[in-house]
Amino acid sequence: MTLSVKLDFALTVAQAAAGNFGDGPIYRAQLAVLKMFGNGVGADQVDKFVMLERQVASATNDDIDLSGVLTGVMGETVTFARIIAVALVNAPKLDSAARNTTNLTVGGGSNPFLGFLGGTTPTLGPFRPGAGVVLWAPDSTGFGAVTNASNDILRIANSSGAAATYQLGIIGRSA
């Protein structure tokens, strides 16, 4: 199976000012990233992905095993050797679904994948309801290697109060 990935992100801002003689200048700024990944296991390439919508109960953890437990869209087992990009949204896919009311935190747990986290017990977050994050490292190393039974768990921890439904995308390489 051939995989191609497009990471497309833009933050566009426009601010208008009122001048002494009516409408003033408009300031526009944009931070934009367009990153294309080809199929393979080298720099700027990927060959594995999962897109998930998961639910985690109140005050519990969702420990995601990155090494041989996830199922891809074609029913195949997905085993990551390297993680290249991660996207997390603390909200369900459908706008019509009930909104989350609790915060999510990434990291911690036993055998954690540290990749984009630093220190001995690092976490990222909390991500309030509706919040999200996208991280990517397109070079040959990516965020680092995934090693079965050693550093292969990506923990999504939910605060107490209610269950939370979240979206998670992981892009990586098999070698």
Protein backbone atom coordinates (compact mmCIF):
# COMPACT_ATOMS: atom_id res chain seq x y z
CA MET A 1 0.00 0.00 0.00
CA THR A 2 1.33 3.41 -0.97
CA LEU A 3 0.86 6.25 1.50
CA SER A 4 1.04 9.98 0.89
CA VAL A 5 0.38 12.56 3.59
CA LYS A 6 -0.29 16.29 3.40
CA LEU A 7 0.09 18.34 6.58
CA ASP A 8 -1.56 21.70 5.92
CA PHE A 9 -1.82 24.30 8.67
CA ALA A 10 -2.46 28.05 8.55
CA LEU A 11 -3.00 30.73 11.16
CA THR A 12 -4.23 33.91 9.47
CA VAL A 13 -4.81 37.18 11.33
CA ALA A 14 -6.27 40.49 10.15
CA GLN A 15 -6.47 43.54 12.40
CA ALA A 16 -8.07 46.80 11.33
CA ALA A 17 -7.34 50.10 13.01
CA ALA A 18 -9.44 53.25 12.99
CA GLY A 19 -7.43 56.23 11.79
CA ASN A 20 -8.05 59.93 12.38
CA PHE A 21 -9.74 60.23 8.98
CA GLY A 22 -11.93 57.13 8.97
CA ASP A 23 -10.88 53.59 8.23
CA GLY A 24 -7.29 52.96 9.03
CA PRO A 25 -4.79 50.45 7.79
CA ILE A 26 -5.37 46.74 7.94
CA TYR A 27 -2.53 44.57 9.19
CA ARG A 28 -2.46 41.00 7.91
CA ALA A 29 -0.17 38.19 9.02
CA GLN A 30 -0.03 34.49 8.33
CA LEU A 31 1.90 31.55 9.69
CA ALA A 32 1.52 28.71 7.23
CA VAL A 33 2.97 25.23 6.89
CA LEU A 34 2.47 22.90 3.97
CA LYS A 35 4.39 19.67 4.38
CA MET A 36 4.16 16.76 1.98
CA PHE A 37 5.33 13.28 2.97
CA GLY A 38 6.03 10.64 0.35
CA ASN A 39 5.86 6.88 0.80
CA GLY A 40 8.90 5.29 2.47
CA VAL A 41 11.04 5.16 5.60
CA GLY A 42 13.48 8.05 5.08
CA ALA A 43 13.40 11.78 5.72
CA ASP A 44 10.16 13.40 4.52
CA GLN A 45 8.60 9.94 4.11
CA VAL A 46 6.07 7.82 6.03
CA ASP A 47 4.50 4.42 5.51
CA LYS A 48 2.24 3.90 8.55
CA PHE A 49 -0.71 5.78 10.02
CA VAL A 50 -3.74 5.48 12.25
CA MET A 51 -6.67 7.87 12.59
CA LEU A 52 -8.71 7.19 15.69
CA GLU A 53 -11.69 8.48 17.60
CA ARG A 54 -11.50 7.09 21.12
CA GLN A 55 -13.26 7.54 24.41
CA VAL A 56 -11.60 7.59 27.81
CA ALA A 57 -13.63 7.32 31.02
CA SER A 58 -13.55 9.95 33.75
CA ALA A 59 -10.31 10.02 35.78
CA THR A 60 -8.74 7.16 33.78
CA ASN A 61 -6.04 6.64 31.17
CA ASP A 62 -6.16 5.42 27.60
CA ASP A 63 -2.79 3.69 27.05
CA ILE A 64 -2.17 3.35 23.31
CA ASP A 65 0.37 0.68 22.36
CA LEU A 66 2.31 1.94 19.32
CA SER A 67 3.99 -1.41 18.68
CA GLY A 68 1.75 -4.01 17.07
CA VAL A 69 -1.66 -3.54 18.66
CA LEU A 70 -3.30 -0.77 16.59
CA THR A 71 -5.45 -1.60 13.58
CA GLY A 72 -5.25 0.43 10.37
CA VAL A 73 -8.08 1.42 8.04
CA MET A 74 -7.61 -1.72 5.91
CA GLY A 75 -7.73 -4.03 8.94
CA GLU A 76 -3.97 -4.46 9.06
CA THR A 77 -1.91 -4.42 12.26
CA VAL A 78 0.04 -1.16 12.51
CA THR A 79 3.48 -1.36 14.12
CA PHE A 80 5.40 1.90 14.34
CA ALA A 81 9.20 1.93 14.45
CA ARG A 82 9.34 5.76 14.39
CA ILE A 83 6.75 8.43 15.09
CA ILE A 84 6.80 11.38 12.68
CA ALA A 85 3.61 13.32 13.46
CA VAL A 86 0.90 13.32 16.11
CA ALA A 87 -2.38 15.25 16.10
CA LEU A 88 -4.73 15.32 19.10
CA VAL A 89 -8.10 17.07 19.38
CA ASN A 90 -10.04 17.02 22.66
CA ALA A 91 -13.41 16.81 20.89
CA PRO A 92 -15.48 14.25 19.02
CA LYS A 93 -15.42 14.26 15.19
CA LEU A 94 -19.06 15.21 14.81
CA ASP A 95 -20.09 18.72 15.83
CA SER A 96 -23.51 17.31 16.74
CA ALA A 97 -21.97 15.00 19.39
CA ALA A 98 -21.95 15.98 23.05
CA ARG A 99 -19.09 18.32 23.87
CA ASN A 100 -16.32 17.19 26.21
CA THR A 101 -16.15 18.81 29.64
CA THR A 102 -12.81 17.47 30.91
CA ASN A 103 -9.14 18.08 30.18
CA LEU A 104 -6.78 15.60 28.49
CA THR A 105 -3.06 15.23 29.16
CA VAL A 106 -0.53 13.34 27.02
CA GLY A 107 2.29 11.31 28.58
CA GLY A 108 3.20 9.46 31.74
CA GLY A 109 2.53 5.83 32.48
CA SER A 110 4.75 2.78 32.25
CA ASN A 111 6.91 2.16 29.16
CA PRO A 112 6.08 5.63 27.80
CA PHE A 113 6.93 6.82 24.32
CA LEU A 114 8.85 10.00 25.19
CA GLY A 115 9.49 11.24 21.63
CA PHE A 116 8.29 14.84 21.78
CA LEU A 117 8.28 14.87 25.60
CA GLY A 118 11.32 15.60 27.76
CA GLY A 119 12.47 14.65 31.24
CA THR A 120 11.82 11.52 33.26
CA THR A 121 8.02 11.76 33.75
CA PRO A 122 6.99 14.36 31.19
CA THR A 123 3.48 15.29 30.12
CA LEU A 124 2.00 17.65 27.56
CA GLY A 125 -1.16 19.56 28.38
CA PRO A 126 -3.68 19.82 29.84
CA PHE A 127 -5.76 20.25 26.70
CA ARG A 128 -9.08 21.83 27.59
CA PRO A 129 -12.28 20.75 25.81
CA GLY A 130 -12.06 21.69 22.14
CA ALA A 131 -8.29 22.24 22.30
CA GLY A 132 -5.76 20.40 20.19
CA VAL A 133 -2.15 20.09 19.16
CA VAL A 134 -0.25 19.02 16.04
CA LEU A 135 3.43 18.03 16.29
CA TRP A 136 5.71 16.83 13.49
CA ALA A 137 9.37 16.02 12.89
CA PRO A 138 9.98 15.13 9.22
CA ASP A 139 13.70 14.31 9.38
CA SER A 140 15.07 10.76 9.32
CA THR A 141 14.87 10.44 13.13
CA GLY A 142 11.36 11.85 13.60
CA PHE A 143 10.42 11.99 17.27
CA GLY A 144 12.45 8.86 17.93
CA ALA A 145 12.21 5.10 17.86
CA VAL A 146 9.38 3.01 19.27
CA THR A 147 10.62 -0.11 21.06
CA ASN A 148 8.17 -2.87 21.99
CA ALA A 149 7.72 -3.33 25.77
CA SER A 150 10.18 -0.51 26.47
CA ASN A 151 8.96 2.83 25.11
CA ASP A 152 5.81 2.10 23.15
CA ILE A 153 2.89 3.50 25.19
CA LEU A 154 1.29 6.85 24.37
CA ARG A 155 -0.93 7.70 27.33
CA ILE A 156 -3.95 9.97 27.03
CA ALA A 157 -5.10 10.81 30.57
CA ASN A 158 -8.55 12.24 31.30
CA SER A 159 -9.26 14.44 34.30
CA SER A 160 -12.21 13.64 36.56
CA GLY A 161 -15.78 14.68 35.89
CA ALA A 162 -16.94 12.88 32.74
CA ALA A 163 -15.84 10.64 29.90
CA ALA A 164 -14.13 12.37 26.96
CA THR A 165 -14.16 11.50 23.27
CA TYR A 166 -11.05 12.58 21.41
CA GLN A 167 -9.47 12.34 17.96
CA LEU A 168 -5.92 11.10 17.47
CA GLY A 169 -3.86 10.85 14.31
CA ILE A 170 -0.42 9.23 14.30
CA ILE A 171 1.87 9.16 11.26
CA GLY A 172 5.09 7.15 11.29
CA ARG A 173 7.47 4.68 9.73
CA SER A 174 7.90 0.92 9.88
CA ALA A 175 11.71 1.20 10.01
